[in-house]
Amino acid sequence: MDSFQKILQENIISEATVKLSPVDAKSFLKKFNGKDFFELSSSEVNDVLAFAKKNKYRKSKNAPGSTARMYYDYLTKLSRRKK
């Protein structure tokens, strides 16, 4: 894992304030049909932002990307975990 990915993962995981289960993350991500973040439409990005706000997500000031991208990456990683 290169240093950029390590920083990204540390910032994503540490900033989620409402605990979601892997099942919840997978359920939310189903509506995006496995798309990469950069393939999302602007309305889909707004959906991710709304879900992030609902779950009180705040990204680190040092996180390399938008709030929506950081949260989407967090949800993707979370959805791959076992229950």
N, C-alpha and C. Protein backbone atom coordinates (compact mmCIF):
# COMPACT_ATOMS: atom_id res chain seq x y z
N MET A 1 0.85 -1.18 0.00
CA MET A 1 0.00 0.00 0.00
C MET A 1 0.90 1.24 0.00
N ASP A 2 0.69 2.12 -0.96
CA ASP A 2 1.52 3.32 -0.98
C ASP A 2 1.04 4.33 0.06
N SER A 3 1.84 5.34 0.29
CA SER A 3 1.53 6.29 1.38
C SER A 3 0.23 7.04 1.13
N PHE A 4 -0.08 7.36 -0.12
CA PHE A 4 -1.33 8.05 -0.43
C PHE A 4 -2.53 7.21 -0.01
N GLN A 5 -2.51 5.93 -0.37
CA GLN A 5 -3.62 5.05 -0.01
C GLN A 5 -3.73 4.87 1.49
N LYS A 6 -2.59 4.81 2.17
CA LYS A 6 -2.61 4.66 3.62
C LYS A 6 -3.25 5.89 4.28
N ILE A 7 -2.86 7.08 3.84
CA ILE A 7 -3.44 8.32 4.37
C ILE A 7 -4.94 8.35 4.08
N LEU A 8 -5.30 8.00 2.86
CA LEU A 8 -6.71 8.00 2.47
C LEU A 8 -7.51 7.06 3.36
N GLN A 9 -7.03 5.85 3.56
CA GLN A 9 -7.76 4.88 4.38
C GLN A 9 -7.87 5.35 5.83
N GLU A 10 -6.80 5.89 6.40
CA GLU A 10 -6.84 6.36 7.78
C GLU A 10 -7.85 7.49 7.94
N ASN A 11 -7.91 8.40 6.98
CA ASN A 11 -8.83 9.52 7.06
C ASN A 11 -10.28 9.08 6.85
N ILE A 12 -10.49 8.14 5.98
CA ILE A 12 -11.85 7.65 5.73
C ILE A 12 -12.41 6.95 6.96
N ILE A 13 -11.67 6.02 7.48
CA ILE A 13 -12.15 5.20 8.58
C ILE A 13 -12.33 6.02 9.86
N SER A 14 -11.44 6.94 10.12
CA SER A 14 -11.48 7.66 11.39
C SER A 14 -12.56 8.74 11.44
N GLU A 15 -13.14 9.11 10.34
CA GLU A 15 -14.06 10.23 10.33
C GLU A 15 -15.54 9.87 10.33
N ALA A 16 -15.88 8.61 10.29
CA ALA A 16 -17.29 8.22 10.33
C ALA A 16 -17.77 8.30 11.78
N THR A 17 -18.78 9.10 12.04
CA THR A 17 -19.23 9.27 13.41
C THR A 17 -20.43 8.40 13.75
N VAL A 18 -21.26 8.08 12.80
CA VAL A 18 -22.39 7.18 13.04
C VAL A 18 -21.97 5.81 12.54
N LYS A 19 -22.06 4.83 13.39
CA LYS A 19 -21.63 3.48 13.03
C LYS A 19 -22.65 2.82 12.10
N LEU A 20 -22.19 2.49 10.92
CA LEU A 20 -23.00 1.76 9.95
C LEU A 20 -22.52 0.33 9.91
N SER A 21 -23.43 -0.56 9.63
CA SER A 21 -23.03 -1.95 9.46
C SER A 21 -22.64 -2.17 8.00
N PRO A 22 -21.89 -3.21 7.73
CA PRO A 22 -21.58 -3.53 6.33
C PRO A 22 -22.84 -3.76 5.50
N VAL A 23 -23.86 -4.29 6.12
CA VAL A 23 -25.13 -4.53 5.42
C VAL A 23 -25.77 -3.20 5.02
N ASP A 24 -25.76 -2.22 5.93
CA ASP A 24 -26.31 -0.90 5.62
C ASP A 24 -25.56 -0.25 4.47
N ALA A 25 -24.24 -0.34 4.50
CA ALA A 25 -23.42 0.26 3.45
C ALA A 25 -23.71 -0.41 2.11
N LYS A 26 -23.77 -1.74 2.12
CA LYS A 26 -24.03 -2.47 0.88
C LYS A 26 -25.41 -2.13 0.34
N SER A 27 -26.39 -2.01 1.22
CA SER A 27 -27.74 -1.66 0.81
C SER A 27 -27.79 -0.29 0.13
N PHE A 28 -27.11 0.69 0.72
CA PHE A 28 -27.08 2.02 0.13
C PHE A 28 -26.37 2.02 -1.22
N LEU A 29 -25.27 1.30 -1.34
CA LEU A 29 -24.48 1.30 -2.57
C LEU A 29 -25.14 0.54 -3.72
N LYS A 30 -26.14 -0.30 -3.42
CA LYS A 30 -26.83 -1.06 -4.47
C LYS A 30 -27.40 -0.15 -5.56
N LYS A 31 -27.86 1.02 -5.16
CA LYS A 31 -28.49 1.90 -6.15
C LYS A 31 -27.51 2.47 -7.17
N PHE A 32 -26.21 2.30 -6.92
CA PHE A 32 -25.20 2.81 -7.85
C PHE A 32 -24.65 1.72 -8.76
N ASN A 33 -25.16 0.51 -8.64
CA ASN A 33 -24.81 -0.61 -9.51
C ASN A 33 -23.31 -0.83 -9.66
N GLY A 34 -22.56 -0.69 -8.58
CA GLY A 34 -21.14 -0.97 -8.61
C GLY A 34 -20.28 0.05 -9.32
N LYS A 35 -20.82 1.23 -9.55
CA LYS A 35 -20.05 2.28 -10.23
C LYS A 35 -18.91 2.78 -9.36
N ASP A 36 -17.85 3.17 -10.02
CA ASP A 36 -16.77 3.88 -9.36
C ASP A 36 -17.28 5.29 -9.06
N PHE A 37 -16.71 5.96 -8.06
CA PHE A 37 -17.17 7.30 -7.69
C PHE A 37 -17.17 8.25 -8.90
N PHE A 38 -16.15 8.16 -9.72
CA PHE A 38 -16.01 9.09 -10.84
C PHE A 38 -17.00 8.82 -11.97
N GLU A 39 -17.74 7.75 -11.89
CA GLU A 39 -18.78 7.43 -12.87
C GLU A 39 -20.16 7.92 -12.43
N LEU A 40 -20.27 8.43 -11.21
CA LEU A 40 -21.56 8.88 -10.69
C LEU A 40 -22.01 10.18 -11.33
N SER A 41 -23.31 10.31 -11.50
CA SER A 41 -23.87 11.56 -12.00
C SER A 41 -23.91 12.57 -10.84
N SER A 42 -24.16 13.82 -11.17
CA SER A 42 -24.19 14.84 -10.11
C SER A 42 -25.33 14.57 -9.11
N SER A 43 -26.45 14.04 -9.58
CA SER A 43 -27.54 13.74 -8.64
C SER A 43 -27.16 12.58 -7.72
N GLU A 44 -26.40 11.62 -8.24
CA GLU A 44 -25.95 10.51 -7.40
C GLU A 44 -24.94 10.99 -6.36
N VAL A 45 -24.07 11.91 -6.76
CA VAL A 45 -23.11 12.49 -5.81
C VAL A 45 -23.87 13.23 -4.72
N ASN A 46 -24.93 13.94 -5.09
CA ASN A 46 -25.77 14.63 -4.10
C ASN A 46 -26.42 13.63 -3.14
N ASP A 47 -26.81 12.47 -3.65
CA ASP A 47 -27.37 11.42 -2.78
C ASP A 47 -26.33 10.94 -1.76
N VAL A 48 -25.10 10.79 -2.22
CA VAL A 48 -24.01 10.37 -1.32
C VAL A 48 -23.80 11.44 -0.25
N LEU A 49 -23.78 12.70 -0.67
CA LEU A 49 -23.60 13.80 0.30
C LEU A 49 -24.73 13.85 1.32
N ALA A 50 -25.95 13.66 0.86
CA ALA A 50 -27.10 13.67 1.77
C ALA A 50 -27.00 12.52 2.78
N PHE A 51 -26.58 11.35 2.32
CA PHE A 51 -26.41 10.21 3.20
C PHE A 51 -25.28 10.46 4.20
N ALA A 52 -24.23 11.11 3.74
CA ALA A 52 -23.11 11.46 4.63
C ALA A 52 -23.57 12.42 5.71
N LYS A 53 -24.35 13.42 5.33
CA LYS A 53 -24.87 14.39 6.32
C LYS A 53 -25.79 13.69 7.31
N LYS A 54 -26.64 12.82 6.81
CA LYS A 54 -27.57 12.09 7.67
C LYS A 54 -26.81 11.28 8.72
N ASN A 55 -25.66 10.75 8.32
CA ASN A 55 -24.86 9.92 9.22
C ASN A 55 -23.75 10.71 9.93
N LYS A 56 -23.85 12.04 9.85
CA LYS A 56 -22.94 12.95 10.56
C LYS A 56 -21.47 12.72 10.22
N TYR A 57 -21.22 12.47 8.95
CA TYR A 57 -19.85 12.25 8.48
C TYR A 57 -19.14 13.58 8.29
N ARG A 58 -17.92 13.65 8.79
CA ARG A 58 -17.07 14.82 8.56
C ARG A 58 -15.70 14.32 8.17
N LYS A 59 -15.24 14.75 7.02
CA LYS A 59 -13.93 14.30 6.58
C LYS A 59 -12.84 15.12 7.26
N SER A 60 -11.69 14.54 7.33
CA SER A 60 -10.53 15.23 7.88
C SER A 60 -10.13 16.36 6.94
N LYS A 61 -9.61 17.44 7.49
CA LYS A 61 -9.13 18.55 6.66
C LYS A 61 -8.00 18.10 5.75
N ASN A 62 -7.27 17.07 6.14
CA ASN A 62 -6.14 16.58 5.36
C ASN A 62 -6.53 15.49 4.35
N ALA A 63 -7.78 15.12 4.32
CA ALA A 63 -8.23 14.06 3.41
C ALA A 63 -8.11 14.54 1.97
N PRO A 64 -7.53 13.71 1.10
CA PRO A 64 -7.28 14.12 -0.28
C PRO A 64 -8.48 13.90 -1.21
N GLY A 65 -9.52 14.68 -1.05
CA GLY A 65 -10.68 14.55 -1.92
C GLY A 65 -11.90 15.19 -1.31
N SER A 66 -12.98 15.18 -2.06
CA SER A 66 -14.22 15.78 -1.60
C SER A 66 -14.87 14.92 -0.52
N THR A 67 -15.79 15.51 0.20
CA THR A 67 -16.52 14.78 1.23
C THR A 67 -17.27 13.60 0.60
N ALA A 68 -17.91 13.83 -0.53
CA ALA A 68 -18.66 12.76 -1.19
C ALA A 68 -17.74 11.61 -1.58
N ARG A 69 -16.59 11.93 -2.13
CA ARG A 69 -15.66 10.88 -2.54
C ARG A 69 -15.13 10.10 -1.34
N MET A 70 -14.78 10.78 -0.28
CA MET A 70 -14.26 10.11 0.91
C MET A 70 -15.33 9.20 1.51
N TYR A 71 -16.57 9.69 1.56
CA TYR A 71 -17.64 8.88 2.15
C TYR A 71 -17.98 7.69 1.25
N TYR A 72 -17.99 7.90 -0.04
CA TYR A 72 -18.27 6.80 -0.97
C TYR A 72 -17.19 5.71 -0.83
N ASP A 73 -15.94 6.12 -0.72
CA ASP A 73 -14.86 5.16 -0.53
C ASP A 73 -15.01 4.42 0.80
N TYR A 74 -15.39 5.16 1.84
CA TYR A 74 -15.62 4.55 3.15
C TYR A 74 -16.73 3.49 3.05
N LEU A 75 -17.84 3.84 2.41
CA LEU A 75 -18.96 2.90 2.28
C LEU A 75 -18.56 1.68 1.47
N THR A 76 -17.78 1.90 0.43
CA THR A 76 -17.33 0.78 -0.40
C THR A 76 -16.48 -0.19 0.41
N LYS A 77 -15.55 0.35 1.18
CA LYS A 77 -14.70 -0.50 2.02
C LYS A 77 -15.53 -1.21 3.09
N LEU A 78 -16.43 -0.48 3.70
CA LEU A 78 -17.28 -1.05 4.74
C LEU A 78 -18.16 -2.17 4.19
N SER A 79 -18.69 -1.99 2.99
CA SER A 79 -19.59 -2.99 2.41
C SER A 79 -18.87 -4.31 2.11
N ARG A 80 -17.56 -4.26 1.99
CA ARG A 80 -16.79 -5.48 1.70
C ARG A 80 -16.47 -6.30 2.94
N ARG A 81 -16.70 -5.70 4.11
CA ARG A 81 -16.43 -6.42 5.37
C ARG A 81 -17.51 -7.45 5.62
N LYS A 82 -17.16 -8.41 6.41
CA LYS A 82 -18.15 -9.41 6.83
C LYS A 82 -19.03 -8.78 7.90
N LYS A 83 -20.23 -9.31 8.07
CA LYS A 83 -21.16 -8.81 9.06
C LYS A 83 -20.51 -8.80 10.40
